[in-house]
């Protein structure tokens, strides 16, 4: 009787351990997929940030050039007024 009970208990536990192992494999696979998707999201965000930074730098260069041209024009006008005022 005891032997029969032991065999039945082992027979019941073996499939459960397989199910646990299978569940762990599924969990590991899901975790890997989530990590992969998170990394893709991070890469996309970094790419957009770089793109935005380049755009800002380009716009800043345009503004700087306009300011320099405005300062140059103002200097010329000031020199012209100073020259004609003498």
Protein backbone atom coordinates (compact mmCIF):
# COMPACT_ATOMS: atom_id res chain seq x y z
CA UNK A 1 0.00 0.00 0.00
CA UNK A 2 2.75 2.42 0.93
CA UNK A 3 4.64 1.59 -2.21
CA UNK A 4 1.54 2.19 -4.33
CA UNK A 5 1.00 5.53 -2.60
CA UNK A 6 4.63 6.50 -3.20
CA UNK A 7 4.35 5.60 -6.89
CA UNK A 8 1.14 7.60 -7.24
CA UNK A 9 2.69 10.58 -5.47
CA UNK A 10 5.77 10.49 -7.72
CA UNK A 11 3.56 10.06 -10.77
CA UNK A 12 1.58 13.15 -9.74
CA UNK A 13 4.65 15.30 -8.99
CA UNK A 14 6.63 14.58 -12.16
CA UNK A 15 4.17 16.30 -14.55
CA UNK A 16 3.86 19.23 -12.14
CA UNK A 17 7.63 19.77 -12.13
CA UNK A 18 7.55 19.70 -15.93
CA UNK A 19 4.78 22.29 -15.95
CA UNK A 20 6.78 24.49 -13.60
CA UNK A 21 9.83 24.18 -15.83
CA UNK A 22 7.71 25.00 -18.88
CA UNK A 23 6.20 27.97 -17.07
CA UNK A 24 9.69 29.23 -16.20
CA UNK A 25 10.73 28.91 -19.85
CA UNK A 26 7.69 30.91 -20.92
CA UNK A 27 8.39 33.53 -18.26
CA UNK A 28 12.02 33.82 -19.42
CA UNK A 29 10.93 34.16 -23.03
CA UNK A 30 8.39 36.86 -22.19
CA UNK A 31 11.00 38.72 -20.15
CA UNK A 32 13.44 38.60 -23.07
CA UNK A 33 10.78 39.93 -25.44
CA UNK A 34 9.87 42.73 -23.03
CA UNK A 35 13.54 43.66 -22.63
CA UNK A 36 13.94 43.66 -26.41
CA UNK A 37 10.93 45.95 -26.88
CA UNK A 38 12.13 48.29 -24.11
CA UNK A 39 15.54 48.55 -25.79
CA UNK A 40 13.88 49.30 -29.14
CA UNK A 41 11.88 52.06 -27.44
CA UNK A 42 15.01 53.51 -25.85
CA UNK A 43 16.84 53.43 -29.19
CA UNK A 44 13.93 55.20 -30.88
CA UNK A 45 13.83 57.88 -28.18
CA UNK A 46 17.59 58.43 -28.43
CA UNK A 47 17.34 58.72 -32.20
CA UNK A 48 14.56 61.31 -31.92
CA UNK A 49 16.55 63.23 -29.30
CA UNK A 50 19.60 63.34 -31.56
CA UNK A 51 17.43 64.45 -34.47
CA UNK A 52 15.89 67.23 -32.36
CA UNK A 53 19.28 68.33 -31.06
CA UNK A 54 20.68 68.60 -34.60
CA UNK A 55 17.64 70.63 -35.63
CA UNK A 56 18.09 72.97 -32.66
CA UNK A 57 21.79 73.39 -33.42
CA UNK A 58 20.98 74.20 -37.04
CA UNK A 59 18.37 76.79 -36.00
CA UNK A 60 20.78 78.27 -33.45
CA UNK A 61 23.37 78.62 -36.21
CA UNK A 62 20.86 80.48 -38.39
CA UNK A 63 19.92 82.83 -35.55
CA UNK A 64 23.59 83.43 -34.70
CA UNK A 65 24.28 84.30 -38.34
CA UNK A 66 21.33 86.72 -38.41
CA UNK A 67 22.53 88.38 -35.20
CA UNK A 68 26.05 88.73 -36.61
CA UNK A 69 24.70 90.24 -39.83
CA UNK A 70 22.48 92.63 -37.82
CA UNK A 71 25.44 93.68 -35.68
CA UNK A 72 27.57 94.17 -38.80
CA UNK A 73 24.86 96.33 -40.42
CA UNK A 74 24.45 98.36 -37.22
CA UNK A 75 28.22 98.91 -37.05
CA UNK A 76 28.30 100.07 -40.68
CA UNK A 77 25.43 102.49 -40.06
CA UNK A 78 27.12 103.81 -36.92
CA UNK A 79 30.38 104.32 -38.82
CA UNK A 80 28.52 105.99 -41.67
CA UNK A 81 26.77 108.39 -39.26
CA UNK A 82 30.00 109.06 -37.43
CA UNK A 83 31.80 109.77 -40.70
CA UNK A 84 29.10 112.07 -42.05
CA UNK A 85 28.72 113.88 -38.73
CA UNK A 86 32.27 115.22 -38.74
